[in-house]
Amino acid sequence: MEATGVAPDDETAVEVLHRGDSGPEVTELQLRLAELALYIGEADGDYDSQVEDAVTLFQRTWGITADEPGTYGRATRTSLEAKTAEP
């Protein structure tokens, strides 16, 4: 399933990614997690259980509780992007 975006007129909204999503946003997420040695799989753009586990580990490590465990929402994205370089 392609990652579902947000309404183009909502500039404050952030795309939320979770298991089952796919696409370039997921690939970027995989690469950022790999930069922190949290994800060792292929950057194939599929948000599978391995990506979900890596996101959950990142959230637990950095104390992120605003997003559901394993879900790449606003709080998790902001923190991960601050700690990694854009791929």
N, C-alpha and C. Protein backbone atom coordinates (compact mmCIF):
# COMPACT_ATOMS: atom_id res chain seq x y z
N MET A 1 0.84 -1.17 0.00
CA MET A 1 0.00 0.00 0.00
C MET A 1 0.89 1.23 0.00
N GLU A 2 0.66 2.10 -0.94
CA GLU A 2 1.42 3.34 -1.04
C GLU A 2 1.13 4.19 0.19
N ALA A 3 2.15 4.86 0.69
CA ALA A 3 1.97 5.72 1.85
C ALA A 3 0.90 6.75 1.55
N THR A 4 0.00 6.93 2.48
CA THR A 4 -1.07 7.89 2.30
C THR A 4 -0.59 9.26 2.73
N GLY A 5 -0.74 10.23 1.88
CA GLY A 5 -0.26 11.58 2.17
C GLY A 5 -1.26 12.37 2.96
N VAL A 6 -0.96 13.62 3.13
CA VAL A 6 -1.85 14.54 3.81
C VAL A 6 -2.38 15.51 2.78
N ALA A 7 -3.41 16.21 3.14
CA ALA A 7 -3.99 17.19 2.23
C ALA A 7 -2.94 18.24 1.87
N PRO A 8 -2.77 18.55 0.58
CA PRO A 8 -1.74 19.50 0.16
C PRO A 8 -1.90 20.88 0.78
N ASP A 9 -3.13 21.27 1.17
CA ASP A 9 -3.32 22.60 1.74
C ASP A 9 -3.04 22.64 3.24
N ASP A 10 -2.72 21.50 3.84
CA ASP A 10 -2.42 21.45 5.27
C ASP A 10 -0.91 21.42 5.45
N GLU A 11 -0.30 22.62 5.50
CA GLU A 11 1.16 22.72 5.55
C GLU A 11 1.73 22.27 6.88
N THR A 12 0.92 22.20 7.93
CA THR A 12 1.43 21.80 9.24
C THR A 12 1.36 20.29 9.44
N ALA A 13 0.65 19.60 8.57
CA ALA A 13 0.49 18.15 8.72
C ALA A 13 1.76 17.43 8.28
N VAL A 14 2.01 16.31 8.94
CA VAL A 14 3.16 15.47 8.62
C VAL A 14 2.63 14.10 8.26
N GLU A 15 3.18 13.52 7.21
CA GLU A 15 2.75 12.19 6.81
C GLU A 15 3.13 11.18 7.90
N VAL A 16 2.16 10.38 8.31
CA VAL A 16 2.39 9.33 9.29
C VAL A 16 2.57 8.02 8.54
N LEU A 17 3.64 7.30 8.86
CA LEU A 17 3.93 6.03 8.21
C LEU A 17 3.82 4.90 9.22
N HIS A 18 3.35 3.76 8.74
CA HIS A 18 3.25 2.58 9.59
C HIS A 18 3.34 1.33 8.73
N ARG A 19 3.38 0.17 9.41
CA ARG A 19 3.54 -1.09 8.70
C ARG A 19 2.50 -1.20 7.59
N GLY A 20 2.97 -1.64 6.42
CA GLY A 20 2.11 -1.78 5.26
C GLY A 20 2.27 -0.67 4.25
N ASP A 21 2.84 0.47 4.69
CA ASP A 21 3.08 1.57 3.76
C ASP A 21 4.29 1.27 2.90
N SER A 22 4.40 1.99 1.80
CA SER A 22 5.56 1.84 0.92
C SER A 22 5.80 3.12 0.16
N GLY A 23 7.00 3.24 -0.38
CA GLY A 23 7.33 4.41 -1.18
C GLY A 23 8.61 5.08 -0.75
N PRO A 24 8.91 6.21 -1.40
CA PRO A 24 10.18 6.91 -1.14
C PRO A 24 10.32 7.44 0.29
N GLU A 25 9.22 7.80 0.94
CA GLU A 25 9.30 8.26 2.33
C GLU A 25 9.77 7.12 3.24
N VAL A 26 9.32 5.91 2.94
CA VAL A 26 9.75 4.75 3.73
C VAL A 26 11.22 4.46 3.47
N THR A 27 11.65 4.59 2.22
CA THR A 27 13.07 4.39 1.90
C THR A 27 13.93 5.36 2.69
N GLU A 28 13.52 6.63 2.74
CA GLU A 28 14.27 7.62 3.52
C GLU A 28 14.31 7.23 5.00
N LEU A 29 13.18 6.78 5.52
CA LEU A 29 13.12 6.32 6.91
C LEU A 29 14.10 5.18 7.14
N GLN A 30 14.12 4.21 6.25
CA GLN A 30 15.04 3.07 6.37
C GLN A 30 16.49 3.53 6.38
N LEU A 31 16.81 4.47 5.51
CA LEU A 31 18.19 4.96 5.43
C LEU A 31 18.58 5.74 6.69
N ARG A 32 17.67 6.51 7.23
CA ARG A 32 17.95 7.25 8.46
C ARG A 32 18.14 6.29 9.64
N LEU A 33 17.30 5.28 9.73
CA LEU A 33 17.44 4.29 10.79
C LEU A 33 18.75 3.52 10.64
N ALA A 34 19.14 3.23 9.40
CA ALA A 34 20.40 2.53 9.15
C ALA A 34 21.58 3.39 9.58
N GLU A 35 21.47 4.69 9.40
CA GLU A 35 22.54 5.61 9.80
C GLU A 35 22.83 5.49 11.30
N LEU A 36 21.81 5.15 12.08
CA LEU A 36 21.96 4.99 13.52
C LEU A 36 22.15 3.53 13.92
N ALA A 37 22.35 2.67 12.92
CA ALA A 37 22.56 1.23 13.13
C ALA A 37 21.35 0.57 13.80
N LEU A 38 20.15 1.09 13.54
CA LEU A 38 18.93 0.50 14.08
C LEU A 38 18.23 -0.38 13.06
N TYR A 39 18.59 -0.21 11.79
CA TYR A 39 17.97 -0.98 10.71
C TYR A 39 19.08 -1.51 9.83
N ILE A 40 19.07 -2.83 9.61
CA ILE A 40 20.13 -3.42 8.79
C ILE A 40 19.60 -4.08 7.53
N GLY A 41 18.32 -3.91 7.26
CA GLY A 41 17.73 -4.50 6.06
C GLY A 41 17.99 -3.66 4.83
N GLU A 42 17.42 -4.11 3.74
CA GLU A 42 17.54 -3.40 2.47
C GLU A 42 16.62 -2.18 2.48
N ALA A 43 17.09 -1.08 1.94
CA ALA A 43 16.27 0.13 1.82
C ALA A 43 15.40 -0.02 0.57
N ASP A 44 14.32 -0.79 0.72
CA ASP A 44 13.48 -1.14 -0.42
C ASP A 44 12.14 -0.40 -0.45
N GLY A 45 11.92 0.49 0.52
CA GLY A 45 10.70 1.28 0.53
C GLY A 45 9.48 0.58 1.09
N ASP A 46 9.65 -0.59 1.70
CA ASP A 46 8.54 -1.32 2.30
C ASP A 46 8.60 -1.23 3.82
N TYR A 47 7.54 -0.71 4.42
CA TYR A 47 7.46 -0.59 5.88
C TYR A 47 6.97 -1.93 6.42
N ASP A 48 7.91 -2.81 6.69
CA ASP A 48 7.59 -4.15 7.16
C ASP A 48 7.86 -4.25 8.66
N SER A 49 7.80 -5.46 9.19
CA SER A 49 7.98 -5.64 10.63
C SER A 49 9.39 -5.24 11.09
N GLN A 50 10.37 -5.41 10.22
CA GLN A 50 11.74 -5.03 10.59
C GLN A 50 11.85 -3.51 10.75
N VAL A 51 11.20 -2.76 9.88
CA VAL A 51 11.19 -1.29 9.99
C VAL A 51 10.41 -0.89 11.25
N GLU A 52 9.28 -1.51 11.46
CA GLU A 52 8.46 -1.22 12.63
C GLU A 52 9.25 -1.46 13.92
N ASP A 53 9.99 -2.56 13.98
CA ASP A 53 10.81 -2.86 15.15
C ASP A 53 11.90 -1.81 15.35
N ALA A 54 12.51 -1.37 14.25
CA ALA A 54 13.57 -0.36 14.34
C ALA A 54 13.00 0.97 14.82
N VAL A 55 11.82 1.34 14.32
CA VAL A 55 11.17 2.58 14.77
C VAL A 55 10.83 2.48 16.26
N THR A 56 10.31 1.35 16.67
CA THR A 56 9.99 1.15 18.09
C THR A 56 11.24 1.27 18.96
N LEU A 57 12.33 0.67 18.53
CA LEU A 57 13.58 0.76 19.28
C LEU A 57 14.06 2.21 19.37
N PHE A 58 13.97 2.93 18.26
CA PHE A 58 14.35 4.34 18.26
C PHE A 58 13.48 5.11 19.26
N GLN A 59 12.18 4.87 19.23
CA GLN A 59 11.27 5.57 20.14
C GLN A 59 11.59 5.27 21.60
N ARG A 60 11.85 4.02 21.89
CA ARG A 60 12.17 3.64 23.28
C ARG A 60 13.50 4.23 23.72
N THR A 61 14.48 4.20 22.83
CA THR A 61 15.81 4.73 23.15
C THR A 61 15.75 6.21 23.47
N TRP A 62 14.96 6.97 22.72
CA TRP A 62 14.92 8.42 22.87
C TRP A 62 13.70 8.90 23.67
N GLY A 63 12.94 7.97 24.23
CA GLY A 63 11.82 8.35 25.09
C GLY A 63 10.67 9.03 24.37
N ILE A 64 10.42 8.64 23.15
CA ILE A 64 9.34 9.24 22.37
C ILE A 64 8.05 8.49 22.65
N THR A 65 7.10 9.20 23.22
CA THR A 65 5.83 8.56 23.57
C THR A 65 4.63 9.21 22.88
N ALA A 66 4.85 10.28 22.14
CA ALA A 66 3.75 11.00 21.49
C ALA A 66 3.17 10.22 20.31
N ASP A 67 3.95 9.33 19.71
CA ASP A 67 3.49 8.50 18.60
C ASP A 67 3.28 7.08 19.10
N GLU A 68 2.39 6.35 18.45
CA GLU A 68 2.18 4.94 18.78
C GLU A 68 3.49 4.18 18.53
N PRO A 69 3.81 3.20 19.36
CA PRO A 69 5.02 2.41 19.13
C PRO A 69 5.05 1.82 17.72
N GLY A 70 6.16 2.02 17.05
CA GLY A 70 6.34 1.48 15.71
C GLY A 70 5.77 2.33 14.60
N THR A 71 5.12 3.44 14.96
CA THR A 71 4.52 4.35 13.98
C THR A 71 5.41 5.57 13.83
N TYR A 72 5.69 5.93 12.58
CA TYR A 72 6.55 7.06 12.28
C TYR A 72 5.69 8.30 12.11
N GLY A 73 5.39 8.96 13.25
CA GLY A 73 4.58 10.16 13.26
C GLY A 73 5.43 11.40 13.48
N ARG A 74 4.75 12.50 13.77
CA ARG A 74 5.42 13.80 13.88
C ARG A 74 6.58 13.80 14.89
N ALA A 75 6.35 13.31 16.10
CA ALA A 75 7.39 13.36 17.14
C ALA A 75 8.59 12.48 16.77
N THR A 76 8.31 11.31 16.27
CA THR A 76 9.39 10.40 15.89
C THR A 76 10.17 10.96 14.71
N ARG A 77 9.45 11.49 13.71
CA ARG A 77 10.10 12.07 12.53
C ARG A 77 10.99 13.25 12.92
N THR A 78 10.47 14.13 13.75
CA THR A 78 11.23 15.31 14.15
C THR A 78 12.52 14.90 14.85
N SER A 79 12.43 13.95 15.75
CA SER A 79 13.60 13.50 16.49
C SER A 79 14.61 12.79 15.58
N LEU A 80 14.12 11.89 14.73
CA LEU A 80 15.02 11.15 13.85
C LEU A 80 15.71 12.09 12.86
N GLU A 81 14.97 13.02 12.30
CA GLU A 81 15.56 13.95 11.34
C GLU A 81 16.60 14.85 12.01
N ALA A 82 16.44 15.15 13.29
CA ALA A 82 17.41 15.98 14.01
C ALA A 82 18.70 15.23 14.31
N LYS A 83 18.61 13.90 14.33
CA LYS A 83 19.76 13.08 14.71
C LYS A 83 20.47 12.45 13.51
N THR A 84 19.95 12.65 12.31
CA THR A 84 20.52 12.02 11.12
C THR A 84 20.63 13.04 9.99
N ALA A 85 21.43 12.68 8.99
CA ALA A 85 21.56 13.51 7.79
C ALA A 85 20.54 13.04 6.76
N GLU A 86 20.08 13.98 5.95
CA GLU A 86 19.16 13.62 4.87
C GLU A 86 19.89 12.72 3.88
N PRO A 87 19.30 11.56 3.58
CA PRO A 87 19.98 10.63 2.65
C PRO A 87 20.05 11.18 1.23
